[in-house]
Amino acid sequence: MEAEIGIVGGSGLYSMEQLQDASEVDIQTPWGNPSDNYLLGTLGGRRVAFLARHGRGHRIMPSELNFRANIYGFKKLGVTRVISISAVGSLKQEHRPLEFIIPDQFYDHTKRRVSTFFGDGVAVHISFADPVCPELTKAVYGACQAAGVVAKLGGTYICIEGPNFSTQAESRLYRSWGMDVIGMTNVTEAKLAREAELCYATVAMVTDYDVWHPEHDTVTVAQIVENLLKNAANACQVVVQAVERMPRRRACKCGSALEHAIITDRAQIPPAARQKLELLIGKYL
């Protein structure tokens, strides 16, 4: 095991200077290349792997992300928990810019994502009613409080395809559905993390109000960038606090998510699929 906790850095967060003894590692996966090299290091005496979701320099758009490679890379490094940092727009007046939301639900409004490792002769149906790890979410929320960041526990993150932002009609519709924040990445990560039996939690950093807000047009790109940078600095402090307070052992059910999810007769799994998926399902074969 090279790391036990994974950190996904979203928009504005492309590295973590708090990592001690940092080094880079290039991970190859059956699904191609992850977004960037993983940065391995130590935080609070724990081994951590950091990955810039969009690549350093922000080179990859949401629909272009190789989510499978990113999550598989964490699994290959020995990671069991993933904290995802994500910039979002607010769909409710009470979720203000520079505040953090720790969602407990997702709504998948994407249109052309591959959000499973399985298929090609292997049928798997995970339970996803509760899409984030309650143990990890609690630790992250406590970390926000310890870091002095205004955070709210619970809420629904709607994930759209992008890369364009919503129309006003779409934004108003999402509000009528009761959505809290809007982004373009996290639900796909969450599904794959569950399939990989990794604990997963999102730190949704509010940069601005979505287009529904009457003052939306007065927000400049410069203000949004400024908020991104402030949020990224706060997120680093939250991650440090979260890692320090993380329980050593997992008491959740995330580590056995596939135990009853593999529907295919084991004898019918094609040899090529068996080999490709060994890291994910080997213990059940």
C-alpha atoms as a PDB file:
ATOM      1  CA  MET A   1       0.000   0.000   0.000  1.00  0.00           C
ATOM      2  CA  GLU A   2       1.394   3.378  -1.030  1.00  0.00           C
ATOM      3  CA  ALA A   3      -1.481   5.506   0.308  1.00  0.00           C
ATOM      4  CA  GLU A   4      -4.655   5.075   2.358  1.00  0.00           C
ATOM      5  CA  ILE A   5      -6.494   8.347   1.708  1.00  0.00           C
ATOM      6  CA  GLY A   6      -7.128   9.824  -1.735  1.00  0.00           C
ATOM      7  CA  ILE A   7      -7.736  13.504  -2.448  1.00  0.00           C
ATOM      8  CA  VAL A   8      -9.303  14.677  -5.715  1.00  0.00           C
ATOM      9  CA  GLY A   9      -8.512  18.331  -6.346  1.00  0.00           C
ATOM     10  CA  GLY A  10     -11.169  20.160  -8.347  1.00  0.00           C
ATOM     11  CA  SER A  11     -11.162  23.522 -10.102  1.00  0.00           C
ATOM     12  CA  GLY A  12      -8.647  25.822  -8.415  1.00  0.00           C
ATOM     13  CA  LEU A  13      -6.931  23.036  -6.467  1.00  0.00           C
ATOM     14  CA  TYR A  14      -4.143  21.437  -8.472  1.00  0.00           C
ATOM     15  CA  SER A  15      -1.623  20.623  -5.734  1.00  0.00           C
ATOM     16  CA  MET A  16      -1.215  20.565  -1.960  1.00  0.00           C
ATOM     17  CA  GLU A  17       1.849  22.230  -0.503  1.00  0.00           C
ATOM     18  CA  GLN A  18       0.983  20.679   2.884  1.00  0.00           C
ATOM     19  CA  LEU A  19       2.081  17.246   1.625  1.00  0.00           C
ATOM     20  CA  GLN A  20       5.351  16.185   3.232  1.00  0.00           C
ATOM     21  CA  ASP A  21       7.939  14.038   1.449  1.00  0.00           C
ATOM     22  CA  ALA A  22       5.937  14.409  -1.751  1.00  0.00           C
ATOM     23  CA  SER A  23       6.718  12.392  -4.851  1.00  0.00           C
ATOM     24  CA  GLU A  24       4.991  11.714  -8.156  1.00  0.00           C
ATOM     25  CA  VAL A  25       3.867   8.371  -9.490  1.00  0.00           C
ATOM     26  CA  ASP A  26       2.569   7.529 -12.953  1.00  0.00           C
ATOM     27  CA  ILE A  27      -0.182   4.898 -12.714  1.00  0.00           C
ATOM     28  CA  GLN A  28      -1.250   2.790 -15.677  1.00  0.00           C
ATOM     29  CA  THR A  29      -4.751   1.316 -15.690  1.00  0.00           C
ATOM     30  CA  PRO A  30      -6.790  -1.031 -17.911  1.00  0.00           C
ATOM     31  CA  TRP A  31      -8.905   2.031 -18.752  1.00  0.00           C
ATOM     32  CA  GLY A  32      -6.071   4.268 -19.882  1.00  0.00           C
ATOM     33  CA  ASN A  33      -4.345   7.213 -18.232  1.00  0.00           C
ATOM     34  CA  PRO A  34      -5.615   9.134 -15.202  1.00  0.00           C
ATOM     35  CA  SER A  35      -5.880  12.922 -15.383  1.00  0.00           C
ATOM     36  CA  ASP A  36      -2.308  13.421 -14.163  1.00  0.00           C
ATOM     37  CA  ASN A  37       0.385  11.809 -12.074  1.00  0.00           C
ATOM     38  CA  TYR A  38      -0.604  11.135  -8.478  1.00  0.00           C
ATOM     39  CA  LEU A  39       1.235  13.100  -5.792  1.00  0.00           C
ATOM     40  CA  LEU A  40       2.096  10.849  -2.878  1.00  0.00           C
ATOM     41  CA  GLY A  41       2.998  12.245   0.511  1.00  0.00           C
ATOM     42  CA  THR A  42       2.269  12.355   4.213  1.00  0.00           C
ATOM     43  CA  LEU A  43      -0.327  14.419   6.076  1.00  0.00           C
ATOM     44  CA  GLY A  44      -0.680  14.114   9.825  1.00  0.00           C
ATOM     45  CA  GLY A  45       1.229  10.860   9.782  1.00  0.00           C
ATOM     46  CA  ARG A  46      -1.077   9.313   7.164  1.00  0.00           C
ATOM     47  CA  ARG A  47      -0.169   8.365   3.622  1.00  0.00           C
ATOM     48  CA  VAL A  48      -2.127  10.404   1.073  1.00  0.00           C
ATOM     49  CA  ALA A  49      -2.459  10.367  -2.718  1.00  0.00           C
ATOM     50  CA  PHE A  50      -3.501  13.606  -4.441  1.00  0.00           C
ATOM     51  CA  LEU A  51      -4.833  13.844  -7.995  1.00  0.00           C
ATOM     52  CA  ALA A  52      -5.703  17.022  -9.896  1.00  0.00           C
ATOM     53  CA  ARG A  53      -9.040  16.037 -11.453  1.00  0.00           C
ATOM     54  CA  HIS A  54      -8.649  18.270 -14.516  1.00  0.00           C
ATOM     55  CA  GLY A  55      -4.888  17.875 -14.698  1.00  0.00           C
ATOM     56  CA  ARG A  56      -2.390  20.482 -13.624  1.00  0.00           C
ATOM     57  CA  GLY A  57      -3.027  23.568 -15.714  1.00  0.00           C
ATOM     58  CA  HIS A  58      -6.715  22.541 -15.980  1.00  0.00           C
ATOM     59  CA  ARG A  59      -6.424  20.803 -19.342  1.00  0.00           C
ATOM     60  CA  ILE A  60      -9.376  18.387 -19.248  1.00  0.00           C
ATOM     61  CA  MET A  61     -13.045  19.304 -19.474  1.00  0.00           C
ATOM     62  CA  PRO A  62     -15.627  17.394 -17.375  1.00  0.00           C
ATOM     63  CA  SER A  63     -16.950  15.239 -20.228  1.00  0.00           C
ATOM     64  CA  GLU A  64     -13.376  14.345 -21.228  1.00  0.00           C
ATOM     65  CA  LEU A  65     -12.348  13.056 -17.813  1.00  0.00           C
ATOM     66  CA  ASN A  66     -11.265   9.439 -17.585  1.00  0.00           C
ATOM     67  CA  PHE A  67     -13.167   8.805 -14.351  1.00  0.00           C
ATOM     68  CA  ARG A  68     -12.533   5.064 -14.413  1.00  0.00           C
ATOM     69  CA  ALA A  69      -8.774   5.488 -14.662  1.00  0.00           C
ATOM     70  CA  ASN A  70      -8.773   8.115 -11.890  1.00  0.00           C
ATOM     71  CA  ILE A  71     -10.653   5.938  -9.396  1.00  0.00           C
ATOM     72  CA  TYR A  72      -8.875   2.732 -10.391  1.00  0.00           C
ATOM     73  CA  GLY A  73      -5.541   4.502  -9.875  1.00  0.00           C
ATOM     74  CA  PHE A  74      -6.478   5.284  -6.281  1.00  0.00           C
ATOM     75  CA  LYS A  75      -7.512   1.664  -5.753  1.00  0.00           C
ATOM     76  CA  LYS A  76      -4.216   0.446  -7.195  1.00  0.00           C
ATOM     77  CA  LEU A  77      -2.315   2.674  -4.763  1.00  0.00           C
ATOM     78  CA  GLY A  78      -4.103   1.059  -1.828  1.00  0.00           C
ATOM     79  CA  VAL A  79      -6.458   3.963  -1.107  1.00  0.00           C
ATOM     80  CA  THR A  80      -9.623   3.082   0.833  1.00  0.00           C
ATOM     81  CA  ARG A  81     -11.125   6.561   1.273  1.00  0.00           C
ATOM     82  CA  VAL A  82     -11.511   9.396  -1.253  1.00  0.00           C
ATOM     83  CA  ILE A  83     -12.261  13.023  -0.414  1.00  0.00           C
ATOM     84  CA  SER A  84     -13.434  14.891  -3.495  1.00  0.00           C
ATOM     85  CA  ILE A  85     -12.995  18.660  -3.645  1.00  0.00           C
ATOM     86  CA  SER A  86     -15.331  20.285  -6.166  1.00  0.00           C
ATOM     87  CA  ALA A  87     -16.271  23.812  -7.225  1.00  0.00           C
ATOM     88  CA  VAL A  88     -20.044  24.261  -7.526  1.00  0.00           C
ATOM     89  CA  GLY A  89     -22.723  26.834  -8.184  1.00  0.00           C
ATOM     90  CA  SER A  90     -25.423  27.495  -5.596  1.00  0.00           C
ATOM     91  CA  LEU A  91     -29.071  26.796  -6.355  1.00  0.00           C
ATOM     92  CA  LYS A  92     -30.376  28.150  -3.051  1.00  0.00           C
ATOM     93  CA  GLN A  93     -30.106  31.606  -1.509  1.00  0.00           C
ATOM     94  CA  GLU A  94     -28.888  30.165   1.792  1.00  0.00           C
ATOM     95  CA  HIS A  95     -25.842  28.508   0.188  1.00  0.00           C
ATOM     96  CA  ARG A  96     -23.551  31.501  -0.151  1.00  0.00           C
ATOM     97  CA  PRO A  97     -20.307  31.890  -2.110  1.00  0.00           C
ATOM     98  CA  LEU A  98     -17.236  30.741  -0.131  1.00  0.00           C
ATOM     99  CA  GLU A  99     -19.351  28.342   1.919  1.00  0.00           C
ATOM    100  CA  PHE A 100     -18.940  24.569   1.689  1.00  0.00           C
ATOM    101  CA  ILE A 101     -21.712  22.006   1.282  1.00  0.00           C
ATOM    102  CA  ILE A 102     -21.175  18.356   2.204  1.00  0.00           C
ATOM    103  CA  PRO A 103     -23.836  16.640   0.032  1.00  0.00           C
ATOM    104  CA  ASP A 104     -25.458  13.388   1.057  1.00  0.00           C
ATOM    105  CA  GLN A 105     -27.317  12.890  -2.238  1.00  0.00           C
ATOM    106  CA  PHE A 106     -26.676  13.218  -5.970  1.00  0.00           C
ATOM    107  CA  TYR A 107     -28.900  13.594  -8.999  1.00  0.00           C
ATOM    108  CA  ASP A 108     -27.304  12.331 -12.210  1.00  0.00           C
ATOM    109  CA  HIS A 109     -28.293  14.597 -15.101  1.00  0.00           C
ATOM    110  CA  THR A 110     -25.362  13.630 -17.322  1.00  0.00           C
ATOM    111  CA  LYS A 111     -25.979  12.235 -20.782  1.00  0.00           C
ATOM    112  CA  ARG A 112     -22.919  10.450 -22.114  1.00  0.00           C
ATOM    113  CA  ARG A 113     -20.755   9.289 -19.219  1.00  0.00           C
ATOM    114  CA  VAL A 114     -19.413   5.802 -18.635  1.00  0.00           C
ATOM    115  CA  SER A 115     -20.029   5.349 -14.928  1.00  0.00           C
ATOM    116  CA  THR A 116     -19.246   1.667 -14.364  1.00  0.00           C
ATOM    117  CA  PHE A 117     -16.217  -0.601 -14.498  1.00  0.00           C
ATOM    118  CA  PHE A 118     -18.406  -3.519 -15.480  1.00  0.00           C
ATOM    119  CA  GLY A 119     -20.085  -4.956 -18.560  1.00  0.00           C
ATOM    120  CA  ASP A 120     -18.491  -7.129 -21.260  1.00  0.00           C
ATOM    121  CA  GLY A 121     -19.813 -10.271 -19.647  1.00  0.00           C
ATOM    122  CA  VAL A 122     -19.912  -9.103 -16.025  1.00  0.00           C
ATOM    123  CA  ALA A 123     -23.230  -7.758 -14.697  1.00  0.00           C
ATOM    124  CA  VAL A 124     -22.962  -5.807 -11.442  1.00  0.00           C
ATOM    125  CA  HIS A 125     -25.630  -3.713  -9.688  1.00  0.00           C
ATOM    126  CA  ILE A 126     -24.396  -1.766  -6.664  1.00  0.00           C
ATOM    127  CA  SER A 127     -26.605  -0.233  -4.008  1.00  0.00           C
ATOM    128  CA  PHE A 128     -26.497   3.545  -4.430  1.00  0.00           C
ATOM    129  CA  ALA A 129     -29.420   4.764  -2.331  1.00  0.00           C
ATOM    130  CA  ASP A 130     -26.927   6.434   0.004  1.00  0.00           C
ATOM    131  CA  PRO A 131     -24.180   7.514  -2.395  1.00  0.00           C
ATOM    132  CA  VAL A 132     -21.623   8.885   0.071  1.00  0.00           C
ATOM    133  CA  CYS A 133     -19.907   7.294   3.037  1.00  0.00           C
ATOM    134  CA  PRO A 134     -21.552   8.472   6.289  1.00  0.00           C
ATOM    135  CA  GLU A 135     -18.375   7.915   8.289  1.00  0.00           C
ATOM    136  CA  LEU A 136     -16.218   9.915   5.891  1.00  0.00           C
ATOM    137  CA  THR A 137     -18.841  12.629   5.463  1.00  0.00           C
ATOM    138  CA  LYS A 138     -19.000  13.103   9.232  1.00  0.00           C
ATOM    139  CA  ALA A 139     -15.210  13.405   9.418  1.00  0.00           C
ATOM    140  CA  VAL A 140     -15.136  15.953   6.600  1.00  0.00           C
ATOM    141  CA  TYR A 141     -17.882  18.056   8.154  1.00  0.00           C
ATOM    142  CA  GLY A 142     -16.060  18.042  11.485  1.00  0.00           C
ATOM    143  CA  ALA A 143     -12.910  19.082   9.643  1.00  0.00           C
ATOM    144  CA  CYS A 144     -14.711  22.093   8.175  1.00  0.00           C
ATOM    145  CA  GLN A 145     -15.749  23.158  11.656  1.00  0.00           C
ATOM    146  CA  ALA A 146     -12.226  22.698  12.987  1.00  0.00           C
ATOM    147  CA  ALA A 147     -10.800  24.716  10.086  1.00  0.00           C
ATOM    148  CA  GLY A 148     -13.254  27.567  10.687  1.00  0.00           C
ATOM    149  CA  VAL A 149     -14.976  27.126   7.316  1.00  0.00           C
ATOM    150  CA  VAL A 150     -18.724  27.711   7.122  1.00  0.00           C
ATOM    151  CA  ALA A 151     -20.149  24.368   6.038  1.00  0.00           C
ATOM    152  CA  LYS A 152     -23.546  22.706   5.805  1.00  0.00           C
ATOM    153  CA  LEU A 153     -24.033  18.978   6.179  1.00  0.00           C
ATOM    154  CA  GLY A 154     -26.448  17.385   3.729  1.00  0.00           C
ATOM    155  CA  GLY A 155     -28.028  18.437   0.457  1.00  0.00           C
ATOM    156  CA  THR A 156     -28.293  17.303  -3.148  1.00  0.00           C
ATOM    157  CA  TYR A 157     -25.649  17.884  -5.806  1.00  0.00           C
ATOM    158  CA  ILE A 158     -27.044  17.794  -9.345  1.00  0.00           C
ATOM    159  CA  CYS A 159     -24.419  16.749 -11.864  1.00  0.00           C
ATOM    160  CA  ILE A 160     -24.867  18.055 -15.412  1.00  0.00           C
ATOM    161  CA  GLU A 161     -22.931  17.073 -18.503  1.00  0.00           C
ATOM    162  CA  GLY A 162     -21.377  20.443 -19.304  1.00  0.00           C
ATOM    163  CA  PRO A 163     -19.100  21.943 -20.396  1.00  0.00           C
ATOM    164  CA  ASN A 164     -21.605  24.783 -20.900  1.00  0.00           C
ATOM    165  CA  PHE A 165     -23.394  26.190 -17.879  1.00  0.00           C
ATOM    166  CA  SER A 166     -27.169  26.019 -17.515  1.00  0.00           C
ATOM    167  CA  THR A 167     -29.773  28.145 -19.209  1.00  0.00           C
ATOM    168  CA  GLN A 168     -32.021  30.160 -16.918  1.00  0.00           C
ATOM    169  CA  ALA A 169     -34.882  27.745 -17.646  1.00  0.00           C
ATOM    170  CA  GLU A 170     -32.728  24.769 -16.639  1.00  0.00           C
ATOM    171  CA  SER A 171     -31.482  26.489 -13.500  1.00  0.00           C
ATOM    172  CA  ARG A 172     -35.007  27.363 -12.405  1.00  0.00           C
ATOM    173  CA  LEU A 173     -36.091  23.767 -13.063  1.00  0.00           C
ATOM    174  CA  TYR A 174     -33.292  22.372 -10.898  1.00  0.00           C
ATOM    175  CA  ARG A 175     -34.344  24.736  -8.113  1.00  0.00           C
ATOM    176  CA  SER A 176     -37.932  23.535  -8.391  1.00  0.00           C
ATOM    177  CA  TRP A 177     -36.633  19.979  -7.923  1.00  0.00           C
ATOM    178  CA  GLY A 178     -35.044  20.993  -4.621  1.00  0.00           C
ATOM    179  CA  MET A 179     -31.434  20.704  -5.751  1.00  0.00           C
ATOM    180  CA  ASP A 180     -28.854  22.496  -3.576  1.00  0.00           C
ATOM    181  CA  VAL A 181     -25.716  22.841  -5.699  1.00  0.00           C
ATOM    182  CA  ILE A 182     -24.741  22.166  -9.292  1.00  0.00           C
ATOM    183  CA  GLY A 183     -21.545  20.747 -10.737  1.00  0.00           C
ATOM    184  CA  MET A 184     -20.222  18.599 -13.581  1.00  0.00           C
ATOM    185  CA  THR A 185     -18.140  15.806 -12.064  1.00  0.00           C
ATOM    186  CA  ASN A 186     -18.921  14.231  -8.721  1.00  0.00           C
ATOM    187  CA  VAL A 187     -21.736  11.758  -9.330  1.00  0.00           C
ATOM    188  CA  THR A 188     -19.641   9.774 -11.810  1.00  0.00           C
ATOM    189  CA  GLU A 189     -16.775   9.620  -9.326  1.00  0.00           C
ATOM    190  CA  ALA A 190     -19.132   8.544  -6.563  1.00  0.00           C
ATOM    191  CA  LYS A 191     -20.577   5.657  -8.587  1.00  0.00           C
ATOM    192  CA  LEU A 192     -17.157   4.350  -9.541  1.00  0.00           C
ATOM    193  CA  ALA A 193     -15.816   4.779  -6.012  1.00  0.00           C
ATOM    194  CA  ARG A 194     -18.709   2.645  -4.722  1.00  0.00           C
ATOM    195  CA  GLU A 195     -17.941  -0.027  -7.325  1.00  0.00           C
ATOM    196  CA  ALA A 196     -14.288   0.077  -6.261  1.00  0.00           C
ATOM    197  CA  GLU A 197     -15.413  -0.283  -2.620  1.00  0.00           C
ATOM    198  CA  LEU A 198     -13.866   3.039  -1.664  1.00  0.00           C
ATOM    199  CA  CYS A 199     -15.422   5.416   0.861  1.00  0.00           C
ATOM    200  CA  TYR A 200     -16.326   8.654  -0.907  1.00  0.00           C
ATOM    201  CA  ALA A 201     -17.346  12.128   0.236  1.00  0.00           C
ATOM    202  CA  THR A 202     -17.668  15.460  -1.550  1.00  0.00           C
ATOM    203  CA  VAL A 203     -16.615  18.881  -0.338  1.00  0.00           C
ATOM    204  CA  ALA A 204     -18.659  21.173  -2.594  1.00  0.00           C
ATOM    205  CA  MET A 205     -17.122  24.657  -2.592  1.00  0.00           C
ATOM    206  CA  VAL A 206     -19.606  27.357  -3.608  1.00  0.00           C
ATOM    207  CA  THR A 207     -18.016  29.860  -6.011  1.00  0.00           C
ATOM    208  CA  ASP A 208     -21.135  31.805  -6.982  1.00  0.00           C
ATOM    209  CA  TYR A 209     -24.894  31.603  -7.418  1.00  0.00           C
ATOM    210  CA  ASP A 210     -26.068  29.802 -10.528  1.00  0.00           C
ATOM    211  CA  VAL A 211     -27.757  31.725 -13.347  1.00  0.00           C
ATOM    212  CA  TRP A 212     -31.184  31.700 -11.618  1.00  0.00           C
ATOM    213  CA  HIS A 213     -30.030  34.385  -9.195  1.00  0.00           C
ATOM    214  CA  PRO A 214     -31.085  37.956 -10.095  1.00  0.00           C
ATOM    215  CA  GLU A 215     -27.577  39.267  -9.391  1.00  0.00           C
ATOM    216  CA  HIS A 216     -25.823  36.564 -11.401  1.00  0.00           C
ATOM    217  CA  ASP A 217     -24.930  38.867 -14.289  1.00  0.00           C
ATOM    218  CA  THR A 218     -23.126  41.261 -11.959  1.00  0.00           C
ATOM    219  CA  VAL A 219     -20.609  38.552 -11.000  1.00  0.00           C
ATOM    220  CA  THR A 220     -17.386  38.912 -12.970  1.00  0.00           C
ATOM    221  CA  VAL A 221     -14.953  36.196 -14.014  1.00  0.00           C
ATOM    222  CA  ALA A 222     -12.350  37.889 -11.821  1.00  0.00           C
ATOM    223  CA  GLN A 223     -14.632  37.500  -8.784  1.00  0.00           C
ATOM    224  CA  ILE A 224     -15.230  33.841  -9.545  1.00  0.00           C
ATOM    225  CA  VAL A 225     -11.497  33.184  -9.893  1.00  0.00           C
ATOM    226  CA  GLU A 226     -10.881  35.010  -6.619  1.00  0.00           C
ATOM    227  CA  ASN A 227     -13.480  32.813  -4.918  1.00  0.00           C
ATOM    228  CA  LEU A 228     -11.921  29.705  -6.451  1.00  0.00           C
ATOM    229  CA  LEU A 229      -8.551  30.575  -4.955  1.00  0.00           C
ATOM    230  CA  LYS A 230     -10.019  31.372  -1.542  1.00  0.00           C
ATOM    231  CA  ASN A 231     -12.014  28.146  -1.579  1.00  0.00           C
ATOM    232  CA  ALA A 232      -8.939  26.140  -2.589  1.00  0.00           C
ATOM    233  CA  ALA A 233      -6.952  27.532   0.336  1.00  0.00           C
ATOM    234  CA  ASN A 234      -9.805  26.692   2.718  1.00  0.00           C
ATOM    235  CA  ALA A 235     -10.150  23.229   1.192  1.00  0.00           C
ATOM    236  CA  CYS A 236      -6.498  22.466   1.910  1.00  0.00           C
ATOM    237  CA  GLN A 237      -7.052  23.261   5.583  1.00  0.00           C
ATOM    238  CA  VAL A 238     -10.165  21.103   5.632  1.00  0.00           C
ATOM    239  CA  VAL A 239      -8.276  18.182   4.084  1.00  0.00           C
ATOM    240  CA  VAL A 240      -5.514  18.476   6.686  1.00  0.00           C
ATOM    241  CA  GLN A 241      -8.082  18.436   9.494  1.00  0.00           C
ATOM    242  CA  ALA A 242     -10.023  15.569   7.902  1.00  0.00           C
ATOM    243  CA  VAL A 243      -6.949  13.380   7.534  1.00  0.00           C
ATOM    244  CA  GLU A 244      -5.913  14.018  11.120  1.00  0.00           C
ATOM    245  CA  ARG A 245      -9.318  12.997  12.495  1.00  0.00           C
ATOM    246  CA  MET A 246      -9.903  10.047  10.151  1.00  0.00           C
ATOM    247  CA  PRO A 247     -10.557   6.757  11.995  1.00  0.00           C
ATOM    248  CA  ARG A 248      -7.872   4.167  11.338  1.00  0.00           C
ATOM    249  CA  ARG A 249     -10.412   1.450  10.595  1.00  0.00           C
ATOM    250  CA  ARG A 250     -13.520   1.651   8.469  1.00  0.00           C
ATOM    251  CA  ALA A 251     -16.766   0.901  10.288  1.00  0.00           C
ATOM    252  CA  CYS A 252     -18.948   1.554   7.225  1.00  0.00           C
ATOM    253  CA  LYS A 253     -20.215  -0.849   4.561  1.00  0.00           C
ATOM    254  CA  CYS A 254     -18.306   0.720   1.645  1.00  0.00           C
ATOM    255  CA  GLY A 255     -15.590  -1.927   1.733  1.00  0.00           C
ATOM    256  CA  SER A 256     -18.067  -4.714   0.937  1.00  0.00           C
ATOM    257  CA  ALA A 257     -20.235  -2.939  -1.647  1.00  0.00           C
ATOM    258  CA  LEU A 258     -19.715  -5.706  -4.232  1.00  0.00           C
ATOM    259  CA  GLU A 259     -20.378  -8.638  -1.913  1.00  0.00           C
ATOM    260  CA  HIS A 260     -23.931  -9.170  -3.197  1.00  0.00           C
ATOM    261  CA  ALA A 261     -23.757  -6.966  -6.293  1.00  0.00           C
ATOM    262  CA  ILE A 262     -22.119  -9.357  -8.770  1.00  0.00           C
ATOM    263  CA  ILE A 263     -25.030 -11.020 -10.569  1.00  0.00           C
ATOM    264  CA  THR A 264     -23.126 -13.013 -13.175  1.00  0.00           C
ATOM    265  CA  ASP A 265     -22.465 -16.684 -12.518  1.00  0.00           C
ATOM    266  CA  ARG A 266     -18.791 -16.780 -11.546  1.00  0.00           C
ATOM    267  CA  ALA A 267     -18.190 -19.674 -13.929  1.00  0.00           C
ATOM    268  CA  GLN A 268     -19.526 -17.558 -16.807  1.00  0.00           C
ATOM    269  CA  ILE A 269     -17.185 -14.592 -16.322  1.00  0.00           C
ATOM    270  CA  PRO A 270     -14.921 -14.377 -19.391  1.00  0.00           C
ATOM    271  CA  PRO A 271     -11.214 -14.923 -18.633  1.00  0.00           C
ATOM    272  CA  ALA A 272     -10.277 -11.518 -20.103  1.00  0.00           C
ATOM    273  CA  ALA A 273     -12.802  -9.740 -17.876  1.00  0.00           C
ATOM    274  CA  ARG A 274     -11.685 -11.750 -14.871  1.00  0.00           C
ATOM    275  CA  GLN A 275      -8.103 -10.622 -15.439  1.00  0.00           C
ATOM    276  CA  LYS A 276      -9.037  -6.994 -16.110  1.00  0.00           C
ATOM    277  CA  LEU A 277     -11.207  -6.764 -12.999  1.00  0.00           C
ATOM    278  CA  GLU A 278      -9.006  -8.749 -10.623  1.00  0.00           C
ATOM    279  CA  LEU A 279      -8.199  -5.750  -8.425  1.00  0.00           C
ATOM    280  CA  LEU A 280     -11.910  -4.940  -8.043  1.00  0.00           C
ATOM    281  CA  ILE A 281     -13.619  -8.326  -7.762  1.00  0.00           C
ATOM    282  CA  GLY A 282     -10.812 -10.820  -7.218  1.00  0.00           C
ATOM    283  CA  LYS A 283     -11.690 -11.417  -3.567  1.00  0.00           C
ATOM    284  CA  TYR A 284     -15.188 -12.495  -4.594  1.00  0.00           C
ATOM    285  CA  LEU A 285     -14.029 -14.977  -7.228  1.00  0.00           C
END
